[in-house]
Amino acid sequence: MLLLKDKSKSLNVDNYTVIIPSICVGNAAQLACDLLIASKKLKRIGSLSHAALIPVFGPSAYQHEPNECVASCELYESKEDKLLVVQFRAPFISKQTKRFQHEFVTLLQAARRVIILSGSFGFERRLIDGSPWAYRATDKFKADHATQLGAEALVKWKEHTGEHIFGGGNALQLYKAFEDAQVPSMLLFRYLLEGDNSTDATLIVRELNELCGDFLQLRVDGDAGDGSFKLTMPSSWNLLFGNDVTELLF
């Protein structure tokens, strides 16, 4: 399942924060991970191969690693910040998903914390003037991060208690699998609509950094100390929706 670039090493996630996107509405979670990888210039350390993953192969998605290739599921790391970001580039084969989740959780269960990003259909937001954000966290995660989760700023996050996240892909199932393995985990998702979801991806990253900056460590050189940071758009976004419509049509 695990294919590391350096075959002499094994994957060690002790004391690491692991960020995982679900394949959700608008691919917003995957786009958010794209922003994290490009902005923090994370290094590709390997990929995952499994019967649940549709094979994908293509050129580099990021300007800081122009000679790398992409696959269905990749692992990107910052040793300095002890951060591991997983990126999915293909949907799952449903018949194999349960087995994949079990092996995936086993691979990462030594992590200090796991954060799953997702999205849900905007029309599922029951209160129009309510928060566009919702989260779910294990008791251990809440205890470890009582300061952040108890802050007044988090009033805009609504705690999700339902059994479904419509449009959220396998986010809730994956969260429950990590919860069963007693891994401190949080699921964060945003209500959104299909379309150009690059803005939603930016908002997800900014929200995560605002409330989880102590372990996300998203910063820029020469930071003035005001909490500001700059996101880098991956080179793969340049033609995210193809070329512009030719003016000759009008």
C-alpha atoms as a PDB file:
ATOM      1  CA  MET A   1       0.000   0.000   0.000  1.00  0.00           C
ATOM      2  CA  LEU A   2       2.724   2.479   1.004  1.00  0.00           C
ATOM      3  CA  LEU A   3       5.296   3.455  -1.625  1.00  0.00           C
ATOM      4  CA  LEU A   4       7.967   5.771  -0.201  1.00  0.00           C
ATOM      5  CA  LYS A   5      10.477   7.540  -2.434  1.00  0.00           C
ATOM      6  CA  ASP A   6      13.260   6.582  -0.055  1.00  0.00           C
ATOM      7  CA  LYS A   7      12.816   2.825   0.164  1.00  0.00           C
ATOM      8  CA  SER A   8      15.333   2.591   3.005  1.00  0.00           C
ATOM      9  CA  LYS A   9      12.971   4.436   5.363  1.00  0.00           C
ATOM     10  CA  SER A  10       9.570   3.746   6.895  1.00  0.00           C
ATOM     11  CA  LEU A  11       6.724   6.161   7.529  1.00  0.00           C
ATOM     12  CA  ASN A  12       6.987   7.613  11.040  1.00  0.00           C
ATOM     13  CA  VAL A  13       4.105   9.904  12.044  1.00  0.00           C
ATOM     14  CA  ASP A  14       4.842  10.051  15.772  1.00  0.00           C
ATOM     15  CA  ASN A  15       3.945  13.531  17.070  1.00  0.00           C
ATOM     16  CA  TYR A  16       2.763  14.541  13.583  1.00  0.00           C
ATOM     17  CA  THR A  17      -0.341  16.454  12.550  1.00  0.00           C
ATOM     18  CA  VAL A  18      -1.971  14.708   9.585  1.00  0.00           C
ATOM     19  CA  ILE A  19      -4.349  16.630   7.296  1.00  0.00           C
ATOM     20  CA  ILE A  20      -6.604  14.595   5.007  1.00  0.00           C
ATOM     21  CA  PRO A  21      -9.089  15.838   2.386  1.00  0.00           C
ATOM     22  CA  SER A  22     -12.275  13.991   1.572  1.00  0.00           C
ATOM     23  CA  ILE A  23     -13.460  13.856  -2.031  1.00  0.00           C
ATOM     24  CA  CYS A  24     -16.381  16.196  -1.474  1.00  0.00           C
ATOM     25  CA  VAL A  25     -18.650  18.641  -3.274  1.00  0.00           C
ATOM     26  CA  GLY A  26     -16.655  21.040  -5.439  1.00  0.00           C
ATOM     27  CA  ASN A  27     -13.412  19.233  -4.486  1.00  0.00           C
ATOM     28  CA  ALA A  28     -12.949  22.068  -1.995  1.00  0.00           C
ATOM     29  CA  ALA A  29     -11.023  19.969   0.535  1.00  0.00           C
ATOM     30  CA  GLN A  30      -8.579  18.729  -2.101  1.00  0.00           C
ATOM     31  CA  LEU A  31      -8.081  22.294  -3.342  1.00  0.00           C
ATOM     32  CA  ALA A  32      -7.411  23.410   0.248  1.00  0.00           C
ATOM     33  CA  CYS A  33      -4.712  20.742   0.553  1.00  0.00           C
ATOM     34  CA  ASP A  34      -3.267  21.934  -2.757  1.00  0.00           C
ATOM     35  CA  LEU A  35      -2.924  25.398  -1.212  1.00  0.00           C
ATOM     36  CA  LEU A  36      -1.282  24.013   1.925  1.00  0.00           C
ATOM     37  CA  ILE A  37       1.220  21.959  -0.062  1.00  0.00           C
ATOM     38  CA  ALA A  38       2.136  24.826  -2.396  1.00  0.00           C
ATOM     39  CA  SER A  39       2.219  27.535   0.288  1.00  0.00           C
ATOM     40  CA  LYS A  40       4.352  25.543   2.721  1.00  0.00           C
ATOM     41  CA  LYS A  41       6.413  23.948  -0.079  1.00  0.00           C
ATOM     42  CA  LEU A  42       5.890  20.494   1.348  1.00  0.00           C
ATOM     43  CA  LYS A  43       8.051  17.679   0.012  1.00  0.00           C
ATOM     44  CA  ARG A  44       6.512  14.676  -1.686  1.00  0.00           C
ATOM     45  CA  ILE A  45       7.724  11.625   0.230  1.00  0.00           C
ATOM     46  CA  GLY A  46       5.647   8.922  -1.400  1.00  0.00           C
ATOM     47  CA  SER A  47       2.260   7.651  -2.479  1.00  0.00           C
ATOM     48  CA  LEU A  48      -0.345   5.029  -1.654  1.00  0.00           C
ATOM     49  CA  SER A  49      -1.435   2.236  -3.957  1.00  0.00           C
ATOM     50  CA  HIS A  50      -4.616   0.286  -3.279  1.00  0.00           C
ATOM     51  CA  ALA A  51      -7.437  -1.505  -5.078  1.00  0.00           C
ATOM     52  CA  ALA A  52      -9.773   1.256  -3.879  1.00  0.00           C
ATOM     53  CA  LEU A  53      -7.808   3.957  -5.727  1.00  0.00           C
ATOM     54  CA  ILE A  54      -8.363   4.545  -9.447  1.00  0.00           C
ATOM     55  CA  PRO A  55      -4.869   4.774 -11.009  1.00  0.00           C
ATOM     56  CA  VAL A  56      -3.788   8.305 -11.946  1.00  0.00           C
ATOM     57  CA  PHE A  57      -0.457   9.511 -13.293  1.00  0.00           C
ATOM     58  CA  GLY A  58       0.476  13.000 -14.421  1.00  0.00           C
ATOM     59  CA  PRO A  59       2.993  15.851 -14.328  1.00  0.00           C
ATOM     60  CA  SER A  60       3.862  17.870 -11.248  1.00  0.00           C
ATOM     61  CA  ALA A  61       1.071  19.907  -9.700  1.00  0.00           C
ATOM     62  CA  TYR A  62       3.364  22.336  -7.864  1.00  0.00           C
ATOM     63  CA  GLN A  63       5.976  24.816  -9.012  1.00  0.00           C
ATOM     64  CA  HIS A  64       8.331  24.075  -6.098  1.00  0.00           C
ATOM     65  CA  GLU A  65       8.688  20.439  -7.225  1.00  0.00           C
ATOM     66  CA  PRO A  66       8.651  20.660 -11.030  1.00  0.00           C
ATOM     67  CA  ASN A  67      10.243  17.249 -11.614  1.00  0.00           C
ATOM     68  CA  GLU A  68       7.811  15.238  -9.505  1.00  0.00           C
ATOM     69  CA  CYS A  69       4.850  13.289 -10.873  1.00  0.00           C
ATOM     70  CA  VAL A  70       1.406  12.928  -9.313  1.00  0.00           C
ATOM     71  CA  ALA A  71      -0.554   9.783  -8.467  1.00  0.00           C
ATOM     72  CA  SER A  72      -3.977   8.848  -7.056  1.00  0.00           C
ATOM     73  CA  CYS A  73      -2.929   9.368  -3.438  1.00  0.00           C
ATOM     74  CA  GLU A  74       0.207  11.188  -2.331  1.00  0.00           C
ATOM     75  CA  LEU A  75       1.946  12.072   0.911  1.00  0.00           C
ATOM     76  CA  TYR A  76       3.590  15.468   1.468  1.00  0.00           C
ATOM     77  CA  GLU A  77       5.670  16.277   4.531  1.00  0.00           C
ATOM     78  CA  SER A  78       7.225  19.120   6.491  1.00  0.00           C
ATOM     79  CA  LYS A  79       9.752  17.619   8.907  1.00  0.00           C
ATOM     80  CA  GLU A  80      10.277  20.996  10.547  1.00  0.00           C
ATOM     81  CA  ASP A  81       6.620  21.416  11.467  1.00  0.00           C
ATOM     82  CA  LYS A  82       5.901  17.685  11.833  1.00  0.00           C
ATOM     83  CA  LEU A  83       3.093  18.025   9.317  1.00  0.00           C
ATOM     84  CA  LEU A  84       1.877  15.394   6.865  1.00  0.00           C
ATOM     85  CA  VAL A  85      -0.685  16.283   4.192  1.00  0.00           C
ATOM     86  CA  VAL A  86      -2.430  13.568   2.206  1.00  0.00           C
ATOM     87  CA  GLN A  87      -3.723  14.431  -1.264  1.00  0.00           C
ATOM     88  CA  PHE A  88      -6.263  12.394  -3.228  1.00  0.00           C
ATOM     89  CA  ARG A  89      -6.595  12.922  -6.984  1.00  0.00           C
ATOM     90  CA  ALA A  90      -9.175  10.283  -7.905  1.00  0.00           C
ATOM     91  CA  PRO A  91     -12.463   8.991  -6.489  1.00  0.00           C
ATOM     92  CA  PHE A  92     -12.668   5.687  -4.627  1.00  0.00           C
ATOM     93  CA  ILE A  93     -13.963   2.375  -5.935  1.00  0.00           C
ATOM     94  CA  SER A  94     -16.812   1.981  -3.460  1.00  0.00           C
ATOM     95  CA  LYS A  95     -16.554  -1.794  -3.120  1.00  0.00           C
ATOM     96  CA  GLN A  96     -12.998  -1.426  -1.785  1.00  0.00           C
ATOM     97  CA  THR A  97     -13.436   1.715   0.328  1.00  0.00           C
ATOM     98  CA  LYS A  98     -14.034   0.040   3.700  1.00  0.00           C
ATOM     99  CA  ARG A  99     -10.878  -2.060   3.420  1.00  0.00           C
ATOM    100  CA  PHE A 100      -8.870   0.951   2.305  1.00  0.00           C
ATOM    101  CA  GLN A 101     -10.064   3.019   5.276  1.00  0.00           C
ATOM    102  CA  HIS A 102      -9.070   0.278   7.704  1.00  0.00           C
ATOM    103  CA  GLU A 103      -5.554   0.013   6.263  1.00  0.00           C
ATOM    104  CA  PHE A 104      -5.274   3.795   5.972  1.00  0.00           C
ATOM    105  CA  VAL A 105      -6.163   4.343   9.642  1.00  0.00           C
ATOM    106  CA  THR A 106      -3.731   1.597  10.690  1.00  0.00           C
ATOM    107  CA  LEU A 107      -0.973   3.349   8.743  1.00  0.00           C
ATOM    108  CA  LEU A 108      -1.596   6.700  10.465  1.00  0.00           C
ATOM    109  CA  GLN A 109      -2.841   5.720  13.922  1.00  0.00           C
ATOM    110  CA  ALA A 110       0.436   6.758  15.604  1.00  0.00           C
ATOM    111  CA  ALA A 111      -0.184  10.413  14.630  1.00  0.00           C
ATOM    112  CA  ARG A 112      -0.573  13.022  17.342  1.00  0.00           C
ATOM    113  CA  ARG A 113      -3.716  14.385  15.695  1.00  0.00           C
ATOM    114  CA  VAL A 114      -5.682  13.990  12.464  1.00  0.00           C
ATOM    115  CA  ILE A 115      -7.698  16.734  10.762  1.00  0.00           C
ATOM    116  CA  ILE A 116     -10.148  15.790   8.006  1.00  0.00           C
ATOM    117  CA  LEU A 117     -11.346  18.536   5.651  1.00  0.00           C
ATOM    118  CA  SER A 118     -14.596  18.324   3.732  1.00  0.00           C
ATOM    119  CA  GLY A 119     -17.564  20.195   2.311  1.00  0.00           C
ATOM    120  CA  SER A 120     -21.328  19.815   2.205  1.00  0.00           C
ATOM    121  CA  PHE A 121     -24.043  20.995  -0.178  1.00  0.00           C
ATOM    122  CA  GLY A 122     -24.979  24.599   0.551  1.00  0.00           C
ATOM    123  CA  PHE A 123     -28.699  23.806   0.395  1.00  0.00           C
ATOM    124  CA  GLU A 124     -28.232  21.446   3.362  1.00  0.00           C
ATOM    125  CA  ARG A 125     -27.539  24.445   5.576  1.00  0.00           C
ATOM    126  CA  ARG A 126     -30.770  24.652   7.526  1.00  0.00           C
ATOM    127  CA  LEU A 127     -30.334  28.155   8.984  1.00  0.00           C
ATOM    128  CA  ILE A 128     -29.586  30.750   6.316  1.00  0.00           C
ATOM    129  CA  ASP A 129     -28.087  33.165   8.853  1.00  0.00           C
ATOM    130  CA  GLY A 130     -26.234  30.351  10.625  1.00  0.00           C
ATOM    131  CA  SER A 131     -22.583  29.443  10.366  1.00  0.00           C
ATOM    132  CA  PRO A 132     -21.245  28.129   7.032  1.00  0.00           C
ATOM    133  CA  TRP A 133     -18.826  26.008   9.091  1.00  0.00           C
ATOM    134  CA  ALA A 134     -19.366  22.813  11.040  1.00  0.00           C
ATOM    135  CA  TYR A 135     -17.003  20.534  12.899  1.00  0.00           C
ATOM    136  CA  ARG A 136     -16.846  17.323  14.832  1.00  0.00           C
ATOM    137  CA  ALA A 137     -14.072  16.341  17.203  1.00  0.00           C
ATOM    138  CA  THR A 138     -13.207  13.364  19.369  1.00  0.00           C
ATOM    139  CA  ASP A 139     -13.148  13.773  23.139  1.00  0.00           C
ATOM    140  CA  LYS A 140      -9.353  13.430  23.147  1.00  0.00           C
ATOM    141  CA  PHE A 141      -8.973  16.144  20.504  1.00  0.00           C
ATOM    142  CA  LYS A 142     -11.287  18.457  22.473  1.00  0.00           C
ATOM    143  CA  ALA A 143      -9.316  17.846  25.659  1.00  0.00           C
ATOM    144  CA  ASP A 144      -5.974  18.452  23.946  1.00  0.00           C
ATOM    145  CA  HIS A 145      -7.199  21.657  22.306  1.00  0.00           C
ATOM    146  CA  ALA A 146      -9.638  23.014  24.858  1.00  0.00           C
ATOM    147  CA  THR A 147      -8.217  26.525  24.443  1.00  0.00           C
ATOM    148  CA  GLN A 148      -8.970  26.695  20.720  1.00  0.00           C
ATOM    149  CA  LEU A 149     -12.272  24.836  20.800  1.00  0.00           C
ATOM    150  CA  GLY A 150     -13.459  26.819  23.809  1.00  0.00           C
ATOM    151  CA  ALA A 151     -12.598  30.221  22.381  1.00  0.00           C
ATOM    152  CA  GLU A 152     -15.341  32.703  21.582  1.00  0.00           C
ATOM    153  CA  ALA A 153     -14.042  32.894  18.023  1.00  0.00           C
ATOM    154  CA  LEU A 154     -15.275  29.355  17.507  1.00  0.00           C
ATOM    155  CA  VAL A 155     -18.907  30.372  17.964  1.00  0.00           C
ATOM    156  CA  LYS A 156     -18.996  30.553  14.145  1.00  0.00           C
ATOM    157  CA  TRP A 157     -18.306  26.808  14.051  1.00  0.00           C
ATOM    158  CA  LYS A 158     -21.354  24.647  14.631  1.00  0.00           C
ATOM    159  CA  GLU A 159     -20.760  21.215  16.132  1.00  0.00           C
ATOM    160  CA  HIS A 160     -22.110  18.525  13.821  1.00  0.00           C
ATOM    161  CA  THR A 161     -24.039  15.746  15.532  1.00  0.00           C
ATOM    162  CA  GLY A 162     -25.807  14.095  12.592  1.00  0.00           C
ATOM    163  CA  GLU A 163     -25.145  10.763  10.923  1.00  0.00           C
ATOM    164  CA  HIS A 164     -24.648  12.137   7.419  1.00  0.00           C
ATOM    165  CA  ILE A 165     -22.759  14.925   5.656  1.00  0.00           C
ATOM    166  CA  PHE A 166     -24.444  15.217   2.283  1.00  0.00           C
ATOM    167  CA  GLY A 167     -21.854  15.909  -0.398  1.00  0.00           C
ATOM    168  CA  GLY A 168     -19.049  15.215   2.082  1.00  0.00           C
ATOM    169  CA  GLY A 169     -17.815  12.004   0.510  1.00  0.00           C
ATOM    170  CA  ASN A 170     -16.339   9.549   2.998  1.00  0.00           C
ATOM    171  CA  ALA A 171     -15.357  12.240   5.528  1.00  0.00           C
ATOM    172  CA  LEU A 172     -17.649  11.116   8.331  1.00  0.00           C
ATOM    173  CA  GLN A 173     -16.874   7.423   7.838  1.00  0.00           C
ATOM    174  CA  LEU A 174     -13.152   8.179   7.920  1.00  0.00           C
ATOM    175  CA  TYR A 175     -13.559  10.326  11.033  1.00  0.00           C
ATOM    176  CA  LYS A 176     -15.407   7.498  12.808  1.00  0.00           C
ATOM    177  CA  ALA A 177     -12.687   5.030  11.786  1.00  0.00           C
ATOM    178  CA  PHE A 178     -10.020   7.239  13.394  1.00  0.00           C
ATOM    179  CA  GLU A 179     -12.264   7.744  16.426  1.00  0.00           C
ATOM    180  CA  ASP A 180     -12.633   3.950  16.829  1.00  0.00           C
ATOM    181  CA  ALA A 181      -8.830   3.679  16.661  1.00  0.00           C
ATOM    182  CA  GLN A 182      -8.630   6.278  19.483  1.00  0.00           C
ATOM    183  CA  VAL A 183      -6.708   8.768  17.355  1.00  0.00           C
ATOM    184  CA  PRO A 184      -7.377  12.430  18.349  1.00  0.00           C
ATOM    185  CA  SER A 185      -9.304  13.679  15.318  1.00  0.00           C
ATOM    186  CA  MET A 186     -11.324  16.625  14.051  1.00  0.00           C
ATOM    187  CA  LEU A 187     -13.550  16.896  10.989  1.00  0.00           C
ATOM    188  CA  LEU A 188     -14.034  20.422   9.627  1.00  0.00           C
ATOM    189  CA  PHE A 189     -16.338  21.190   6.711  1.00  0.00           C
ATOM    190  CA  ARG A 190     -17.912  24.157   4.971  1.00  0.00           C
ATOM    191  CA  TYR A 191     -21.297  24.466   3.282  1.00  0.00           C
ATOM    192  CA  LEU A 192     -20.698  25.385  -0.370  1.00  0.00           C
ATOM    193  CA  LEU A 193     -21.907  24.982  -3.944  1.00  0.00           C
ATOM    194  CA  GLU A 194     -20.418  23.413  -7.067  1.00  0.00           C
ATOM    195  CA  GLY A 195     -18.405  25.671  -9.366  1.00  0.00           C
ATOM    196  CA  ASP A 196     -15.119  27.509  -8.941  1.00  0.00           C
ATOM    197  CA  ASN A 197     -14.369  26.505  -5.361  1.00  0.00           C
ATOM    198  CA  SER A 198     -10.873  27.982  -5.183  1.00  0.00           C
ATOM    199  CA  THR A 199     -12.277  30.734  -2.927  1.00  0.00           C
ATOM    200  CA  ASP A 200     -13.822  28.138  -0.612  1.00  0.00           C
ATOM    201  CA  ALA A 201     -10.463  26.352  -0.484  1.00  0.00           C
ATOM    202  CA  THR A 202      -8.763  29.593   0.539  1.00  0.00           C
ATOM    203  CA  LEU A 203     -11.362  30.185   3.249  1.00  0.00           C
ATOM    204  CA  ILE A 204     -10.908  26.651   4.596  1.00  0.00           C
ATOM    205  CA  VAL A 205      -7.143  27.133   4.885  1.00  0.00           C
ATOM    206  CA  ARG A 206      -7.483  30.578   6.475  1.00  0.00           C
ATOM    207  CA  GLU A 207     -10.064  29.328   8.966  1.00  0.00           C
ATOM    208  CA  LEU A 208      -7.905  26.365   9.871  1.00  0.00           C
ATOM    209  CA  ASN A 209      -4.840  28.570  10.318  1.00  0.00           C
ATOM    210  CA  GLU A 210      -6.710  31.130  12.416  1.00  0.00           C
ATOM    211  CA  LEU A 211      -7.848  28.586  14.965  1.00  0.00           C
ATOM    212  CA  CYS A 212      -5.145  25.933  14.643  1.00  0.00           C
ATOM    213  CA  GLY A 213      -2.092  28.038  13.866  1.00  0.00           C
ATOM    214  CA  ASP A 214      -0.058  26.576  16.705  1.00  0.00           C
ATOM    215  CA  PHE A 215       0.325  23.278  14.878  1.00  0.00           C
ATOM    216  CA  LEU A 216      -0.417  24.253  11.277  1.00  0.00           C
ATOM    217  CA  GLN A 217       2.466  26.756  11.330  1.00  0.00           C
ATOM    218  CA  LEU A 218       1.375  28.509   8.122  1.00  0.00           C
ATOM    219  CA  ARG A 219       3.566  31.567   7.966  1.00  0.00           C
ATOM    220  CA  VAL A 220       5.641  33.673   5.608  1.00  0.00           C
ATOM    221  CA  ASP A 221       9.209  34.909   5.796  1.00  0.00           C
ATOM    222  CA  GLY A 222       9.392  38.291   7.489  1.00  0.00           C
ATOM    223  CA  ASP A 223       6.027  37.836   9.184  1.00  0.00           C
ATOM    224  CA  ALA A 224       5.155  41.072  10.976  1.00  0.00           C
ATOM    225  CA  GLY A 225       3.592  39.138  13.821  1.00  0.00           C
ATOM    226  CA  ASP A 226       0.059  40.234  12.922  1.00  0.00           C
ATOM    227  CA  GLY A 227      -1.027  36.720  11.961  1.00  0.00           C
ATOM    228  CA  SER A 228      -1.041  37.501   8.250  1.00  0.00           C
ATOM    229  CA  PHE A 229       0.195  35.047   5.675  1.00  0.00           C
ATOM    230  CA  LYS A 230       0.260  34.603   1.931  1.00  0.00           C
ATOM    231  CA  LEU A 231      -1.071  31.597   0.079  1.00  0.00           C
ATOM    232  CA  THR A 232       0.628  30.326  -3.064  1.00  0.00           C
ATOM    233  CA  MET A 233      -1.581  29.167  -5.926  1.00  0.00           C
ATOM    234  CA  PRO A 234      -0.330  25.839  -7.348  1.00  0.00           C
ATOM    235  CA  SER A 235       0.741  25.852 -10.985  1.00  0.00           C
ATOM    236  CA  SER A 236      -1.854  23.130 -11.653  1.00  0.00           C
ATOM    237  CA  TRP A 237      -4.583  25.725 -11.019  1.00  0.00           C
ATOM    238  CA  ASN A 238      -3.632  27.829 -14.043  1.00  0.00           C
ATOM    239  CA  LEU A 239      -6.014  25.919 -16.307  1.00  0.00           C
ATOM    240  CA  LEU A 240      -8.324  24.549 -13.627  1.00  0.00           C
ATOM    241  CA  PHE A 241     -11.376  25.163 -15.801  1.00  0.00           C
ATOM    242  CA  GLY A 242      -9.679  25.100 -19.202  1.00  0.00           C
ATOM    243  CA  ASN A 243      -8.985  28.038 -21.485  1.00  0.00           C
ATOM    244  CA  ASP A 244     -11.093  31.183 -21.500  1.00  0.00           C
ATOM    245  CA  VAL A 245     -14.037  31.193 -23.881  1.00  0.00           C
ATOM    246  CA  THR A 246     -12.961  32.729 -27.180  1.00  0.00           C
ATOM    247  CA  GLU A 247     -14.452  36.152 -27.909  1.00  0.00           C
ATOM    248  CA  LEU A 248     -15.170  35.022 -31.490  1.00  0.00           C
ATOM    249  CA  LEU A 249     -18.278  33.286 -30.145  1.00  0.00           C
ATOM    250  CA  PHE A 250     -19.914  36.620 -29.264  1.00  0.00           C
END
